[in-house]
Amino acid sequence: MRLIALIVLLIPVFLAGVGIKWMRDVVFAVQVNPFPNFTLQFIAGLLLFVLGMGFIGGFIFHRDRKNGKLAPRFQNKKEATND
């Protein structure tokens, strides 16, 4: 099960890396691009980067909330009222 979880977490990391590469290629005007327009390539790269990092950040936030490692303002309201 842990191997499957690792693979699921690596997919967004690779997508975010591809997004960074596409944005870098636009900024440094690399002529090999998968899109016909630099603006479209930059937007697609930014979208991949934000979605990939958002998934990883959400996973870490959910895991820490489940383990009780967050500040009280980020805890579930249901759990906070039971204390």
PDB file of N, CA and C in Angstrom:
ATOM      1  N   MET A   1       0.806  -1.185   0.000  1.00  0.00           N
ATOM      2  CA  MET A   1       0.000   0.000   0.000  1.00  0.00           C
ATOM      3  C   MET A   1       0.860   1.265   0.000  1.00  0.00           C
ATOM      4  N   ARG A   2       1.973   1.232   0.698  1.00  0.00           N
ATOM      5  CA  ARG A   2       2.821   2.418   0.745  1.00  0.00           C
ATOM      6  C   ARG A   2       3.438   2.728  -0.610  1.00  0.00           C
ATOM      7  N   LEU A   3       3.718   1.690  -1.390  1.00  0.00           N
ATOM      8  CA  LEU A   3       4.271   1.901  -2.722  1.00  0.00           C
ATOM      9  C   LEU A   3       3.249   2.601  -3.611  1.00  0.00           C
ATOM     10  N   ILE A   4       2.007   2.207  -3.513  1.00  0.00           N
ATOM     11  CA  ILE A   4       0.954   2.845  -4.297  1.00  0.00           C
ATOM     12  C   ILE A   4       0.805   4.304  -3.874  1.00  0.00           C
ATOM     13  N   ALA A   5       0.851   4.571  -2.568  1.00  0.00           N
ATOM     14  CA  ALA A   5       0.753   5.946  -2.075  1.00  0.00           C
ATOM     15  C   ALA A   5       1.933   6.784  -2.572  1.00  0.00           C
ATOM     16  N   LEU A   6       3.111   6.210  -2.603  1.00  0.00           N
ATOM     17  CA  LEU A   6       4.280   6.924  -3.107  1.00  0.00           C
ATOM     18  C   LEU A   6       4.115   7.262  -4.581  1.00  0.00           C
ATOM     19  N   ILE A   7       3.625   6.319  -5.352  1.00  0.00           N
ATOM     20  CA  ILE A   7       3.414   6.567  -6.783  1.00  0.00           C
ATOM     21  C   ILE A   7       2.370   7.658  -6.986  1.00  0.00           C
ATOM     22  N   VAL A   8       1.297   7.627  -6.196  1.00  0.00           N
ATOM     23  CA  VAL A   8       0.258   8.650  -6.309  1.00  0.00           C
ATOM     24  C   VAL A   8       0.824  10.022  -5.965  1.00  0.00           C
ATOM     25  N   LEU A   9       1.736  10.103  -5.021  1.00  0.00           N
ATOM     26  CA  LEU A   9       2.336  11.386  -4.665  1.00  0.00           C
ATOM     27  C   LEU A   9       3.396  11.842  -5.666  1.00  0.00           C
ATOM     28  N   LEU A  10       4.030  10.912  -6.359  1.00  0.00           N
ATOM     29  CA  LEU A  10       5.068  11.303  -7.313  1.00  0.00           C
ATOM     30  C   LEU A  10       4.490  11.874  -8.606  1.00  0.00           C
ATOM     31  N   ILE A  11       3.287  11.464  -8.970  1.00  0.00           N
ATOM     32  CA  ILE A  11       2.685  11.962 -10.212  1.00  0.00           C
ATOM     33  C   ILE A  11       2.531  13.483 -10.180  1.00  0.00           C
ATOM     34  N   PRO A  12       1.948  14.087  -9.122  1.00  0.00           N
ATOM     35  CA  PRO A  12       1.859  15.555  -9.121  1.00  0.00           C
ATOM     36  C   PRO A  12       3.219  16.248  -9.049  1.00  0.00           C
ATOM     37  N   VAL A  13       4.187  15.609  -8.428  1.00  0.00           N
ATOM     38  CA  VAL A  13       5.534  16.196  -8.373  1.00  0.00           C
ATOM     39  C   VAL A  13       6.115  16.274  -9.780  1.00  0.00           C
ATOM     40  N   PHE A  14       5.970  15.215 -10.563  1.00  0.00           N
ATOM     41  CA  PHE A  14       6.467  15.232 -11.942  1.00  0.00           C
ATOM     42  C   PHE A  14       5.702  16.239 -12.793  1.00  0.00           C
ATOM     43  N   LEU A  15       4.384  16.345 -12.599  1.00  0.00           N
ATOM     44  CA  LEU A  15       3.598  17.324 -13.347  1.00  0.00           C
ATOM     45  C   LEU A  15       4.035  18.745 -13.001  1.00  0.00           C
ATOM     46  N   ALA A  16       4.295  19.015 -11.728  1.00  0.00           N
ATOM     47  CA  ALA A  16       4.778  20.339 -11.334  1.00  0.00           C
ATOM     48  C   ALA A  16       6.150  20.609 -11.949  1.00  0.00           C
ATOM     49  N   GLY A  17       6.984  19.594 -12.026  1.00  0.00           N
ATOM     50  CA  GLY A  17       8.296  19.758 -12.657  1.00  0.00           C
ATOM     51  C   GLY A  17       8.189  20.067 -14.136  1.00  0.00           C
ATOM     52  N   VAL A  18       7.257  19.414 -14.817  1.00  0.00           N
ATOM     53  CA  VAL A  18       7.024  19.704 -16.236  1.00  0.00           C
ATOM     54  C   VAL A  18       6.514  21.131 -16.392  1.00  0.00           C
ATOM     55  N   GLY A  19       5.640  21.559 -15.480  1.00  0.00           N
ATOM     56  CA  GLY A  19       5.137  22.925 -15.528  1.00  0.00           C
ATOM     57  C   GLY A  19       6.246  23.949 -15.355  1.00  0.00           C
ATOM     58  N   ILE A  20       7.150  23.695 -14.431  1.00  0.00           N
ATOM     59  CA  ILE A  20       8.290  24.603 -14.240  1.00  0.00           C
ATOM     60  C   ILE A  20       9.162  24.640 -15.488  1.00  0.00           C
ATOM     61  N   LYS A  21       9.371  23.484 -16.103  1.00  0.00           N
ATOM     62  CA  LYS A  21      10.191  23.427 -17.314  1.00  0.00           C
ATOM     63  C   LYS A  21       9.555  24.218 -18.443  1.00  0.00           C
ATOM     64  N   TRP A  22       8.241  24.070 -18.629  1.00  0.00           N
ATOM     65  CA  TRP A  22       7.552  24.813 -19.691  1.00  0.00           C
ATOM     66  C   TRP A  22       7.620  26.314 -19.448  1.00  0.00           C
ATOM     67  N   MET A  23       7.452  26.754 -18.190  1.00  0.00           N
ATOM     68  CA  MET A  23       7.546  28.184 -17.900  1.00  0.00           C
ATOM     69  C   MET A  23       8.972  28.685 -18.107  1.00  0.00           C
ATOM     70  N   ARG A  24       9.955  27.887 -17.710  1.00  0.00           N
ATOM     71  CA  ARG A  24      11.353  28.273 -17.908  1.00  0.00           C
ATOM     72  C   ARG A  24      11.688  28.393 -19.391  1.00  0.00           C
ATOM     73  N   ASP A  25      11.159  27.466 -20.195  1.00  0.00           N
ATOM     74  CA  ASP A  25      11.404  27.519 -21.632  1.00  0.00           C
ATOM     75  C   ASP A  25      10.836  28.790 -22.252  1.00  0.00           C
ATOM     76  N   VAL A  26       9.704  29.249 -21.749  1.00  0.00           N
ATOM     77  CA  VAL A  26       9.123  30.492 -22.265  1.00  0.00           C
ATOM     78  C   VAL A  26       9.974  31.685 -21.859  1.00  0.00           C
ATOM     79  N   VAL A  27      10.397  31.736 -20.604  1.00  0.00           N
ATOM     80  CA  VAL A  27      11.163  32.885 -20.115  1.00  0.00           C
ATOM     81  C   VAL A  27      12.498  32.998 -20.842  1.00  0.00           C
ATOM     82  N   PHE A  28      13.157  31.880 -21.085  1.00  0.00           N
ATOM     83  CA  PHE A  28      14.452  31.915 -21.751  1.00  0.00           C
ATOM     84  C   PHE A  28      14.350  31.716 -23.256  1.00  0.00           C
ATOM     85  N   ALA A  29      13.134  31.733 -23.812  1.00  0.00           N
ATOM     86  CA  ALA A  29      12.864  31.675 -25.256  1.00  0.00           C
ATOM     87  C   ALA A  29      13.510  30.472 -25.926  1.00  0.00           C
ATOM     88  N   VAL A  30      13.337  29.310 -25.342  1.00  0.00           N
ATOM     89  CA  VAL A  30      13.804  28.075 -25.967  1.00  0.00           C
ATOM     90  C   VAL A  30      12.849  27.757 -27.109  1.00  0.00           C
ATOM     91  N   GLN A  31      13.384  27.464 -28.274  1.00  0.00           N
ATOM     92  CA  GLN A  31      12.551  27.305 -29.467  1.00  0.00           C
ATOM     93  C   GLN A  31      11.852  25.954 -29.567  1.00  0.00           C
ATOM     94  N   VAL A  32      12.247  24.961 -28.776  1.00  0.00           N
ATOM     95  CA  VAL A  32      11.593  23.655 -28.804  1.00  0.00           C
ATOM     96  C   VAL A  32      10.448  23.707 -27.809  1.00  0.00           C
ATOM     97  N   ASN A  33       9.225  23.832 -28.308  1.00  0.00           N
ATOM     98  CA  ASN A  33       8.078  23.923 -27.417  1.00  0.00           C
ATOM     99  C   ASN A  33       6.937  23.048 -27.931  1.00  0.00           C
ATOM    100  N   PRO A  34       6.155  22.490 -27.029  1.00  0.00           N
ATOM    101  CA  PRO A  34       5.045  21.622 -27.434  1.00  0.00           C
ATOM    102  C   PRO A  34       3.790  22.399 -27.810  1.00  0.00           C
ATOM    103  N   PHE A  35       3.810  23.721 -27.702  1.00  0.00           N
ATOM    104  CA  PHE A  35       2.641  24.551 -27.975  1.00  0.00           C
ATOM    105  C   PHE A  35       2.945  25.520 -29.109  1.00  0.00           C
ATOM    106  N   PRO A  36       1.926  25.925 -29.852  1.00  0.00           N
ATOM    107  CA  PRO A  36       2.179  26.871 -30.948  1.00  0.00           C
ATOM    108  C   PRO A  36       2.395  28.304 -30.475  1.00  0.00           C
ATOM    109  N   ASN A  37       2.068  28.584 -29.222  1.00  0.00           N
ATOM    110  CA  ASN A  37       2.135  29.948 -28.714  1.00  0.00           C
ATOM    111  C   ASN A  37       2.827  29.937 -27.353  1.00  0.00           C
ATOM    112  N   PHE A  38       3.723  30.898 -27.122  1.00  0.00           N
ATOM    113  CA  PHE A  38       4.433  30.962 -25.846  1.00  0.00           C
ATOM    114  C   PHE A  38       3.501  31.286 -24.692  1.00  0.00           C
ATOM    115  N   THR A  39       2.504  32.119 -24.935  1.00  0.00           N
ATOM    116  CA  THR A  39       1.565  32.468 -23.869  1.00  0.00           C
ATOM    117  C   THR A  39       0.791  31.242 -23.411  1.00  0.00           C
ATOM    118  N   LEU A  40       0.332  30.459 -24.358  1.00  0.00           N
ATOM    119  CA  LEU A  40      -0.398  29.230 -24.038  1.00  0.00           C
ATOM    120  C   LEU A  40       0.494  28.250 -23.276  1.00  0.00           C
ATOM    121  N   GLN A  41       1.747  28.153 -23.666  1.00  0.00           N
ATOM    122  CA  GLN A  41       2.679  27.264 -22.980  1.00  0.00           C
ATOM    123  C   GLN A  41       2.928  27.735 -21.552  1.00  0.00           C
ATOM    124  N   PHE A  42       3.067  29.041 -21.340  1.00  0.00           N
ATOM    125  CA  PHE A  42       3.299  29.548 -19.996  1.00  0.00           C
ATOM    126  C   PHE A  42       2.084  29.305 -19.101  1.00  0.00           C
ATOM    127  N   ILE A  43       0.893  29.530 -19.628  1.00  0.00           N
ATOM    128  CA  ILE A  43      -0.329  29.317 -18.847  1.00  0.00           C
ATOM    129  C   ILE A  43      -0.491  27.841 -18.496  1.00  0.00           C
ATOM    130  N   ALA A  44      -0.213  26.949 -19.448  1.00  0.00           N
ATOM    131  CA  ALA A  44      -0.297  25.511 -19.173  1.00  0.00           C
ATOM    132  C   ALA A  44       0.741  25.097 -18.134  1.00  0.00           C
ATOM    133  N   GLY A  45       1.940  25.638 -18.230  1.00  0.00           N
ATOM    134  CA  GLY A  45       2.976  25.338 -17.240  1.00  0.00           C
ATOM    135  C   GLY A  45       2.615  25.849 -15.861  1.00  0.00           C
ATOM    136  N   LEU A  46       2.056  27.048 -15.793  1.00  0.00           N
ATOM    137  CA  LEU A  46       1.634  27.607 -14.511  1.00  0.00           C
ATOM    138  C   LEU A  46       0.507  26.780 -13.911  1.00  0.00           C
ATOM    139  N   LEU A  47      -0.424  26.346 -14.744  1.00  0.00           N
ATOM    140  CA  LEU A  47      -1.530  25.513 -14.267  1.00  0.00           C
ATOM    141  C   LEU A  47      -1.026  24.175 -13.730  1.00  0.00           C
ATOM    142  N   LEU A  48      -0.119  23.526 -14.457  1.00  0.00           N
ATOM    143  CA  LEU A  48       0.439  22.260 -13.976  1.00  0.00           C
ATOM    144  C   LEU A  48       1.189  22.449 -12.660  1.00  0.00           C
ATOM    145  N   PHE A  49       1.954  23.520 -12.563  1.00  0.00           N
ATOM    146  CA  PHE A  49       2.719  23.781 -11.347  1.00  0.00           C
ATOM    147  C   PHE A  49       1.795  24.018 -10.156  1.00  0.00           C
ATOM    148  N   VAL A  50       0.789  24.858 -10.333  1.00  0.00           N
ATOM    149  CA  VAL A  50      -0.123  25.181  -9.228  1.00  0.00           C
ATOM    150  C   VAL A  50      -0.921  23.953  -8.810  1.00  0.00           C
ATOM    151  N   LEU A  51      -1.415  23.180  -9.769  1.00  0.00           N
ATOM    152  CA  LEU A  51      -2.177  21.982  -9.420  1.00  0.00           C
ATOM    153  C   LEU A  51      -1.305  20.938  -8.726  1.00  0.00           C
ATOM    154  N   GLY A  52      -0.098  20.736  -9.213  1.00  0.00           N
ATOM    155  CA  GLY A  52       0.801  19.759  -8.594  1.00  0.00           C
ATOM    156  C   GLY A  52       1.187  20.141  -7.181  1.00  0.00           C
ATOM    157  N   MET A  53       1.568  21.396  -6.984  1.00  0.00           N
ATOM    158  CA  MET A  53       1.963  21.830  -5.645  1.00  0.00           C
ATOM    159  C   MET A  53       0.752  21.916  -4.721  1.00  0.00           C
ATOM    160  N   GLY A  54      -0.406  22.259  -5.266  1.00  0.00           N
ATOM    161  CA  GLY A  54      -1.620  22.293  -4.456  1.00  0.00           C
ATOM    162  C   GLY A  54      -2.005  20.915  -3.960  1.00  0.00           C
ATOM    163  N   PHE A  55      -1.840  19.906  -4.803  1.00  0.00           N
ATOM    164  CA  PHE A  55      -2.148  18.537  -4.396  1.00  0.00           C
ATOM    165  C   PHE A  55      -1.216  18.082  -3.285  1.00  0.00           C
ATOM    166  N   ILE A  56       0.076  18.332  -3.453  1.00  0.00           N
ATOM    167  CA  ILE A  56       1.046  17.932  -2.428  1.00  0.00           C
ATOM    168  C   ILE A  56       0.797  18.696  -1.130  1.00  0.00           C
ATOM    169  N   GLY A  57       0.555  20.003  -1.225  1.00  0.00           N
ATOM    170  CA  GLY A  57       0.275  20.795  -0.032  1.00  0.00           C
ATOM    171  C   GLY A  57      -0.995  20.344   0.673  1.00  0.00           C
ATOM    172  N   GLY A  58      -2.032  20.033  -0.101  1.00  0.00           N
ATOM    173  CA  GLY A  58      -3.276  19.545   0.486  1.00  0.00           C
ATOM    174  C   GLY A  58      -3.092  18.201   1.160  1.00  0.00           C
ATOM    175  N   PHE A  59      -2.278  17.346   0.566  1.00  0.00           N
ATOM    176  CA  PHE A  59      -2.012  16.044   1.168  1.00  0.00           C
ATOM    177  C   PHE A  59      -1.303  16.200   2.508  1.00  0.00           C
ATOM    178  N   ILE A  60      -0.289  17.055   2.545  1.00  0.00           N
ATOM    179  CA  ILE A  60       0.455  17.264   3.791  1.00  0.00           C
ATOM    180  C   ILE A  60      -0.444  17.903   4.840  1.00  0.00           C
ATOM    181  N   PHE A  61      -1.268  18.862   4.437  1.00  0.00           N
ATOM    182  CA  PHE A  61      -2.185  19.518   5.370  1.00  0.00           C
ATOM    183  C   PHE A  61      -3.185  18.511   5.935  1.00  0.00           C
ATOM    184  N   HIS A  62      -3.753  17.666   5.083  1.00  0.00           N
ATOM    185  CA  HIS A  62      -4.716  16.656   5.530  1.00  0.00           C
ATOM    186  C   HIS A  62      -4.055  15.661   6.495  1.00  0.00           C
ATOM    187  N   ARG A  63      -2.840  15.232   6.162  1.00  0.00           N
ATOM    188  CA  ARG A  63      -2.131  14.279   7.020  1.00  0.00           C
ATOM    189  C   ARG A  63      -1.811  14.883   8.387  1.00  0.00           C
ATOM    190  N   ASP A  64      -1.337  16.121   8.388  1.00  0.00           N
ATOM    191  CA  ASP A  64      -1.021  16.772   9.664  1.00  0.00           C
ATOM    192  C   ASP A  64      -2.274  17.052  10.476  1.00  0.00           C
ATOM    193  N   ARG A  65      -3.375  17.390   9.814  1.00  0.00           N
ATOM    194  CA  ARG A  65      -4.627  17.608  10.546  1.00  0.00           C
ATOM    195  C   ARG A  65      -5.101  16.303  11.179  1.00  0.00           C
ATOM    196  N   LYS A  66      -4.971  15.216  10.453  1.00  0.00           N
ATOM    197  CA  LYS A  66      -5.386  13.918  10.977  1.00  0.00           C
ATOM    198  C   LYS A  66      -4.533  13.502  12.171  1.00  0.00           C
ATOM    199  N   ASN A  67      -3.253  13.838  12.151  1.00  0.00           N
ATOM    200  CA  ASN A  67      -2.351  13.483  13.242  1.00  0.00           C
ATOM    201  C   ASN A  67      -2.322  14.514  14.364  1.00  0.00           C
ATOM    202  N   GLY A  68      -3.076  15.601  14.233  1.00  0.00           N
ATOM    203  CA  GLY A  68      -3.146  16.608  15.283  1.00  0.00           C
ATOM    204  C   GLY A  68      -1.911  17.473  15.401  1.00  0.00           C
ATOM    205  N   LYS A  69      -1.210  17.712  14.310  1.00  0.00           N
ATOM    206  CA  LYS A  69       0.031  18.485  14.357  1.00  0.00           C
ATOM    207  C   LYS A  69      -0.149  19.917  13.874  1.00  0.00           C
ATOM    208  N   LEU A  70      -1.386  20.388  13.766  1.00  0.00           N
ATOM    209  CA  LEU A  70      -1.635  21.742  13.289  1.00  0.00           C
ATOM    210  C   LEU A  70      -2.000  22.662  14.442  1.00  0.00           C
ATOM    211  N   ALA A  71      -1.927  23.942  14.172  1.00  0.00           N
ATOM    212  CA  ALA A  71      -2.369  24.930  15.162  1.00  0.00           C
ATOM    213  C   ALA A  71      -3.872  24.767  15.399  1.00  0.00           C
ATOM    214  N   PRO A  72      -4.355  25.180  16.559  1.00  0.00           N
ATOM    215  CA  PRO A  72      -5.781  24.984  16.868  1.00  0.00           C
ATOM    216  C   PRO A  72      -6.734  25.627  15.868  1.00  0.00           C
ATOM    217  N   ARG A  73      -6.345  26.720  15.238  1.00  0.00           N
ATOM    218  CA  ARG A  73      -7.258  27.356  14.290  1.00  0.00           C
ATOM    219  C   ARG A  73      -7.449  26.547  13.014  1.00  0.00           C
ATOM    220  N   PHE A  74      -6.550  25.601  12.725  1.00  0.00           N
ATOM    221  CA  PHE A  74      -6.675  24.757  11.550  1.00  0.00           C
ATOM    222  C   PHE A  74      -7.287  23.393  11.851  1.00  0.00           C
ATOM    223  N   GLN A  75      -7.557  23.104  13.099  1.00  0.00           N
ATOM    224  CA  GLN A  75      -8.169  21.827  13.458  1.00  0.00           C
ATOM    225  C   GLN A  75      -9.628  21.815  13.027  1.00  0.00           C
ATOM    226  N   ASN A  76     -10.194  20.633  12.887  1.00  0.00           N
ATOM    227  CA  ASN A  76     -11.609  20.504  12.557  1.00  0.00           C
ATOM    228  C   ASN A  76     -12.449  21.099  13.680  1.00  0.00           C
ATOM    229  N   LYS A  77     -13.533  21.750  13.339  1.00  0.00           N
ATOM    230  CA  LYS A  77     -14.397  22.366  14.344  1.00  0.00           C
ATOM    231  C   LYS A  77     -15.039  21.300  15.240  1.00  0.00           C
ATOM    232  N   LYS A  78     -15.331  20.145  14.669  1.00  0.00           N
ATOM    233  CA  LYS A  78     -15.945  19.057  15.442  1.00  0.00           C
ATOM    234  C   LYS A  78     -14.988  18.571  16.529  1.00  0.00           C
ATOM    235  N   GLU A  79     -13.710  18.415  16.190  1.00  0.00           N
ATOM    236  CA  GLU A  79     -12.708  17.950  17.149  1.00  0.00           C
ATOM    237  C   GLU A  79     -12.428  19.010  18.218  1.00  0.00           C
ATOM    238  N   ALA A  80     -12.479  20.288  17.861  1.00  0.00           N
ATOM    239  CA  ALA A  80     -12.151  21.357  18.796  1.00  0.00           C
ATOM    240  C   ALA A  80     -13.239  21.490  19.877  1.00  0.00           C
ATOM    241  N   THR A  81     -14.495  21.209  19.542  1.00  0.00           N
ATOM    242  CA  THR A  81     -15.569  21.350  20.525  1.00  0.00           C
ATOM    243  C   THR A  81     -15.613  20.182  21.488  1.00  0.00           C
ATOM    244  N   ASN A  82     -15.036  19.048  21.151  1.00  0.00           N
ATOM    245  CA  ASN A  82     -15.057  17.878  22.023  1.00  0.00           C
ATOM    246  C   ASN A  82     -14.034  17.973  23.145  1.00  0.00           C
ATOM    247  N   ASP A  83     -13.070  18.895  23.053  1.00  0.00           N
ATOM    248  CA  ASP A  83     -12.028  19.000  24.096  1.00  0.00           C
ATOM    249  C   ASP A  83     -12.483  19.643  25.320  1.00  0.00           C
TER     250      ASP A  83
END
